Protein backbone atom coordinates (compact mmCIF):
# COMPACT_ATOMS: atom_id res chain seq x y z
CA UNK A 1 0.00 0.00 0.00
CA UNK A 2 1.36 3.35 -0.92
CA UNK A 3 1.71 6.02 1.65
CA UNK A 4 -0.80 8.25 -0.14
CA UNK A 5 -3.64 5.74 -0.42
CA UNK A 6 -3.72 5.15 3.33
CA UNK A 7 -4.17 8.81 4.15
CA UNK A 8 -7.65 9.65 5.44
CA UNK A 9 -9.52 12.74 4.40
CA UNK A 10 -9.36 15.64 6.85
CA UNK A 11 -12.40 16.26 9.02
CA UNK A 12 -13.59 19.10 11.08
CA UNK A 13 -13.02 17.13 14.32
CA UNK A 14 -10.02 15.24 15.67
CA UNK A 15 -10.12 11.60 16.61
CA UNK A 16 -10.86 12.54 20.19
CA UNK A 17 -14.05 14.36 19.17
CA UNK A 18 -12.56 17.77 19.70
CA UNK A 19 -12.88 20.36 17.00
CA UNK A 20 -10.00 20.23 14.63
CA UNK A 21 -8.16 23.09 13.04
CA UNK A 22 -9.04 22.16 9.48
CA UNK A 23 -12.19 23.02 7.53
CA UNK A 24 -14.48 20.14 6.60
CA UNK A 25 -14.11 18.92 3.03
CA UNK A 26 -17.02 17.34 1.26
CA UNK A 27 -16.26 13.75 0.13
CA UNK A 28 -17.03 13.63 -3.57
CA UNK A 29 -15.23 10.42 -4.31
CA UNK A 30 -12.26 12.24 -5.79
CA UNK A 31 -9.03 12.19 -3.85
CA UNK A 32 -7.73 15.61 -3.03
CA UNK A 33 -3.96 15.82 -3.13
CA UNK A 34 -2.08 18.71 -1.66
CA UNK A 35 -0.43 20.91 -4.23
CA UNK A 36 3.31 21.02 -4.30
CA UNK A 37 4.80 24.30 -3.30
CA UNK A 38 5.83 26.03 -6.46
CA UNK A 39 8.08 28.97 -6.93
CA UNK A 40 6.28 32.11 -8.17
CA UNK A 41 7.50 33.18 -11.53
CA UNK A 42 7.90 36.79 -12.38
CA UNK A 43 6.03 38.14 -15.42
CA UNK A 44 8.38 38.65 -18.31
CA UNK A 45 6.47 41.86 -19.12
CA UNK A 46 6.23 43.83 -15.86
CA UNK A 47 5.47 47.18 -17.45
CA UNK A 48 2.72 45.75 -19.66
CA UNK A 49 1.11 44.12 -16.67
CA UNK A 50 1.06 47.36 -14.72
CA UNK A 51 -0.32 49.26 -17.70
CA UNK A 52 -3.14 46.77 -18.27
CA UNK A 53 -4.00 46.85 -14.57
CA UNK A 54 -4.20 50.66 -14.56
CA UNK A 55 -6.37 50.73 -17.69
CA UNK A 56 -8.68 48.09 -16.25
CA UNK A 57 -9.02 49.97 -12.95
CA UNK A 58 -9.77 53.21 -14.80
CA UNK A 59 -12.43 51.46 -16.86
CA UNK A 60 -14.12 50.11 -13.73
CA UNK A 61 -14.10 53.54 -12.08
CA UNK A 62 -15.57 55.12 -15.25
CA UNK A 63 -18.39 52.57 -15.44
CA UNK A 64 -19.28 52.99 -11.76
CA UNK A 65 -19.22 56.79 -12.03
CA UNK A 66 -21.61 56.87 -15.01
CA UNK A 67 -23.89 54.31 -13.39
CA UNK A 68 -24.19 56.44 -10.23
CA UNK A 69 -24.77 59.58 -12.30
CA UNK A 70 -27.59 57.93 -14.26
CA UNK A 71 -29.32 56.95 -11.02
CA UNK A 72 -28.85 60.28 -9.26
CA UNK A 73 -29.49 62.80 -12.04
CA UNK A 74 -33.19 63.43 -12.86
CA UNK A 75 -34.40 63.33 -16.43
CA UNK A 76 -34.93 66.89 -17.60
CA UNK A 77 -36.86 68.31 -20.53
CA UNK A 78 -35.17 70.55 -23.07
CA UNK A 79 -35.08 74.20 -22.04
CA UNK A 80 -37.61 75.16 -24.72
CA UNK A 81 -40.13 72.53 -23.55
CA UNK A 82 -39.79 73.63 -19.93
CA UNK A 83 -40.36 77.27 -20.90
CA UNK A 84 -43.54 76.39 -22.80
CA UNK A 85 -44.89 74.29 -19.94
CA UNK A 86 -44.19 77.04 -17.41
CA UNK A 87 -45.90 79.63 -19.58
CA UNK A 88 -48.99 77.50 -20.13
CA UNK A 89 -49.42 76.87 -16.39
CA UNK A 90 -49.22 80.51 -15.40
CA UNK A 91 -52.42 82.36 -14.58
CA UNK A 92 -53.92 84.67 -17.15
CA UNK A 93 -52.00 87.94 -16.89
CA UNK A 94 -53.65 90.94 -15.27
CA UNK A 95 -55.37 93.18 -17.78
CA UNK A 96 -56.79 96.67 -17.73
CA UNK A 97 -60.51 96.45 -16.92
CA UNK A 98 -63.03 97.35 -19.56
CA UNK A 99 -64.49 100.87 -19.10
CA UNK A 100 -67.48 101.65 -16.93
CA UNK A 101 -70.87 102.03 -18.60
CA UNK A 102 -73.40 102.41 -15.76
CA UNK A 103 -74.01 102.16 -12.02
CA UNK A 104 -76.75 101.20 -9.59
CA UNK A 105 -76.77 101.73 -5.84
CA UNK A 106 -72.98 101.95 -5.65
CA UNK A 107 -72.42 98.94 -7.92
CA UNK A 108 -70.15 99.90 -10.82
CA UNK A 109 -71.00 98.20 -14.10
CA UNK A 110 -68.27 97.57 -16.68
CA UNK A 111 -68.67 96.81 -20.34
CA UNK A 112 -68.85 93.04 -20.79
CA UNK A 113 -67.27 93.47 -24.24
CA UNK A 114 -63.96 95.11 -25.11
CA UNK A 115 -64.66 98.56 -26.63
CA UNK A 116 -62.87 97.74 -29.89
CA UNK A 117 -65.20 94.74 -30.40
CA UNK A 118 -68.48 96.47 -29.58
CA UNK A 119 -71.10 96.91 -32.28
CA UNK A 120 -73.53 98.87 -30.10
CA UNK A 121 -74.72 99.36 -26.52
CA UNK A 122 -78.40 99.78 -25.75
CA UNK A 123 -80.66 100.17 -22.72
CA UNK A 124 -84.20 98.78 -22.78
CA UNK A 125 -86.84 97.39 -20.43
CA UNK A 126 -86.43 94.02 -18.79
CA UNK A 127 -89.40 91.69 -18.87
CA UNK A 128 -89.89 91.47 -15.08
CA UNK A 129 -90.72 94.11 -12.49
CA UNK A 130 -87.92 92.84 -10.21
CA UNK A 131 -85.19 94.35 -12.44
CA UNK A 132 -83.45 97.48 -11.13
CA UNK A 133 -83.05 100.74 -13.02
CA UNK A 134 -79.44 101.45 -14.06
CA UNK A 135 -77.98 104.94 -14.46
CA UNK A 136 -75.97 105.43 -17.65
CA UNK A 137 -72.56 107.10 -17.32
CA UNK A 138 -72.37 108.01 -21.02
CA UNK A 139 -74.51 110.24 -23.27
CA UNK A 140 -77.41 109.05 -25.42
CA UNK A 141 -76.93 108.35 -29.10
CA UNK A 142 -78.87 110.05 -31.87
CA UNK A 143 -81.47 107.35 -32.52
CA UNK A 144 -82.55 108.71 -35.92
CA UNK A 145 -78.99 108.84 -37.18
CA UNK A 146 -78.29 105.37 -35.77
CA UNK A 147 -81.28 103.90 -37.62
CA UNK A 148 -80.18 105.52 -40.87
CA UNK A 149 -76.49 104.68 -40.57
CA UNK A 150 -76.97 101.19 -39.10
CA UNK A 151 -74.27 102.08 -36.60
CA UNK A 152 -73.94 104.06 -33.40
CA UNK A 153 -73.04 107.68 -34.23
CA UNK A 154 -69.91 109.31 -32.91
CA UNK A 155 -69.91 110.86 -29.47
CA UNK A 156 -70.76 114.58 -29.40
CA UNK A 157 -67.65 116.74 -29.23
CA UNK A 158 -68.79 118.48 -26.05
CA UNK A 159 -69.32 115.21 -24.13
CA UNK A 160 -67.47 115.00 -20.81
CA UNK A 161 -66.35 111.69 -19.33
CA UNK A 162 -64.98 110.72 -15.94
CA UNK A 163 -61.83 108.61 -15.69
CA UNK A 164 -62.52 104.96 -16.38
CA UNK A 165 -65.79 105.63 -18.20
CA UNK A 166 -66.33 104.45 -21.77
CA UNK A 167 -66.01 107.24 -24.36
CA UNK A 168 -69.10 106.22 -26.29
CA UNK A 169 -72.87 106.69 -26.38
CA UNK A 170 -75.82 104.37 -25.84
CA UNK A 171 -79.01 103.61 -27.71
CA UNK A 172 -82.36 103.89 -25.93
CA UNK A 173 -84.70 101.16 -27.13
CA UNK A 174 -88.37 100.78 -26.24
CA UNK A 175 -90.42 97.63 -26.24
CA UNK A 176 -94.15 98.06 -25.98
CA UNK A 177 -94.63 94.46 -24.86
CA UNK A 178 -92.47 94.89 -21.74
CA UNK A 179 -93.81 96.04 -18.41
CA UNK A 180 -90.43 96.78 -16.85
CA UNK A 181 -89.06 100.25 -16.24
CA UNK A 182 -86.75 101.90 -18.79
CA UNK A 183 -83.02 101.18 -18.52
CA UNK A 184 -83.47 97.96 -16.54
CA UNK A 185 -81.67 95.85 -19.17
CA UNK A 186 -78.42 96.46 -21.01
CA UNK A 187 -77.49 94.86 -24.34
CA UNK A 188 -73.81 94.91 -25.33
CA UNK A 189 -73.44 93.91 -28.96
CA UNK A 190 -70.59 91.91 -30.53
CA UNK A 191 -70.02 89.16 -33.05
CA UNK A 192 -70.78 85.59 -31.90
CA UNK A 193 -67.80 84.04 -30.09
CA UNK A 194 -66.50 87.38 -28.79
CA UNK A 195 -65.13 87.19 -25.24
CA UNK A 196 -67.52 88.22 -22.46
CA UNK A 197 -65.94 89.76 -19.35
CA UNK A 198 -67.56 89.99 -15.92
CA UNK A 199 -69.60 93.24 -15.83
CA UNK A 200 -69.36 93.51 -12.02
CA UNK A 201 -67.01 92.37 -9.27
CA UNK A 202 -68.40 89.74 -6.93
CA UNK A 203 -69.02 86.01 -6.51
CA UNK A 204 -70.66 83.65 -8.96
CA UNK A 205 -73.66 82.09 -7.23
CA UNK A 206 -75.11 80.03 -10.06
CA UNK A 207 -74.54 78.98 -13.67
CA UNK A 208 -77.37 77.15 -15.36
CA UNK A 209 -78.72 76.28 -18.78
CA UNK A 210 -82.26 77.29 -19.73
CA UNK A 211 -84.49 77.66 -22.81
CA UNK A 212 -84.97 81.24 -23.99
CA UNK A 213 -88.66 81.70 -24.79
CA UNK A 214 -88.88 77.98 -23.99
CA UNK A 215 -87.29 77.22 -27.38
CA UNK A 216 -83.63 78.29 -27.64
CA UNK A 217 -80.72 76.91 -25.62
CA UNK A 218 -78.89 79.49 -23.55
CA UNK A 219 -77.03 79.99 -20.27
CA UNK A 220 -77.63 82.23 -17.26
CA UNK A 221 -74.68 83.43 -15.16
CA UNK A 222 -75.70 84.82 -11.74
CA UNK A 223 -73.24 87.00 -9.81
CA UNK A 224 -73.61 88.47 -6.31
CA UNK A 225 -71.99 91.94 -6.52
CA UNK A 226 -69.54 92.92 -3.78
CA UNK A 227 -71.35 94.28 -0.73
CA UNK A 228 -74.80 93.67 -2.26
CA UNK A 229 -76.58 90.72 -0.67
CA UNK A 230 -79.84 92.15 -2.02
CA UNK A 231 -78.85 92.08 -5.71
CA UNK A 232 -78.51 89.34 -8.32
CA UNK A 233 -76.55 90.36 -11.42
CA UNK A 234 -77.51 88.20 -14.40
CA UNK A 235 -76.04 87.68 -17.89
CA UNK A 236 -77.65 85.68 -20.68
CA UNK A 237 -76.92 84.94 -24.35
CA UNK A 238 -73.56 83.36 -23.52
CA UNK A 239 -71.73 80.19 -24.42
CA UNK A 240 -68.40 78.55 -23.56
CA UNK A 241 -68.95 79.46 -19.91
CA UNK A 242 -65.67 79.55 -17.97
CA UNK A 243 -66.89 80.12 -14.39
CA UNK A 244 -68.89 78.18 -11.85
CA UNK A 245 -70.60 78.77 -8.53
CA UNK A 246 -68.17 79.98 -5.88
CA UNK A 247 -65.76 81.69 -8.27
CA UNK A 248 -64.71 85.26 -7.52
CA UNK A 249 -64.78 87.59 -10.52
CA UNK A 250 -63.42 91.09 -11.12
CA UNK A 251 -65.43 93.58 -13.15
CA UNK A 252 -64.01 94.09 -16.63
CA UNK A 253 -61.12 91.68 -15.97
CA UNK A 254 -62.38 88.11 -15.47
CA UNK A 255 -63.30 86.21 -18.61
CA UNK A 256 -66.58 84.39 -18.07
CA UNK A 257 -67.69 83.18 -21.51
CA UNK A 258 -68.42 84.20 -25.10
CA UNK A 259 -71.30 85.80 -27.01
CA UNK A 260 -73.88 83.24 -28.16
CA UNK A 261 -75.33 83.59 -31.64
CA UNK A 262 -79.07 84.32 -31.54
CA UNK A 263 -79.52 86.28 -34.78
CA UNK A 264 -79.91 83.05 -36.75
CA UNK A 265 -82.92 82.10 -34.64
CA UNK A 266 -84.86 85.33 -34.21
CA UNK A 267 -85.04 88.96 -35.22
CA UNK A 268 -83.13 91.09 -32.74
CA UNK A 269 -84.01 94.74 -32.13
CA UNK A 270 -80.37 95.74 -31.82
CA UNK A 271 -79.79 94.49 -35.37
CA UNK A 272 -81.68 97.48 -36.74
CA UNK A 273 -78.86 99.75 -35.53
CA UNK A 274 -75.81 97.68 -36.45
CA UNK A 275 -74.36 96.21 -39.59
CA UNK A 276 -74.70 92.66 -38.23
CA UNK A 277 -77.63 90.70 -36.91
CA UNK A 278 -77.56 92.32 -33.50
CA UNK A 279 -75.95 89.49 -31.50
CA UNK A 280 -75.09 90.59 -27.96
CA UNK A 281 -74.91 89.62 -24.31
CA UNK A 282 -77.77 90.79 -22.12
CA UNK A 283 -77.23 92.10 -18.56
CA UNK A 284 -79.53 93.18 -15.75
CA UNK A 285 -79.63 93.59 -11.97
CA UNK A 286 -82.48 91.88 -10.11
CA UNK A 287 -83.72 92.38 -6.58
CA UNK A 288 -82.70 89.37 -4.52
CA UNK A 289 -84.57 87.27 -3.76
CA UNK A 290 -86.73 88.02 -6.78
CA UNK A 291 -89.55 85.76 -5.66
CA UNK A 292 -88.96 83.18 -8.36
CA UNK A 293 -85.80 82.57 -10.30
CA UNK A 294 -86.10 84.19 -13.73
CA UNK A 295 -85.89 81.67 -16.54
CA UNK A 296 -86.21 84.47 -19.08
CA UNK A 297 -84.54 87.63 -17.81
CA UNK A 298 -85.38 90.00 -20.58
CA UNK A 299 -84.65 88.24 -23.82
CA UNK A 300 -83.04 89.94 -26.74
Foldseek 3Di string as FASTA:
>chain_A
DDPVVPDDDDAQADPVRHGDPDHHDDCPPDDDDDDDDDDDDDDPCVVVVVVVVVVVVVVVVVVVVVVVCVVPDDDDDPPVVVVVVVVVPDDDDFDDFAFFFWDDPPWTFHAQAHPVFWQAKEWEFKQDQQFDAIGTQFAAFDPVVLLVVLGTDAHDPPTDHDPRHDRGHHYFDYDPNGPGDTRQKMWTFGDWFGWTAAGTWAFWAAKDWFAAVNHHIKIKTWGQHPPHPFKTKIKMQFPPADDGGGDTGHHRTHTGTTGHDDLVPDQDPSSSRHPDRGGTMMIGMGTPPNVDDDRHTGPD
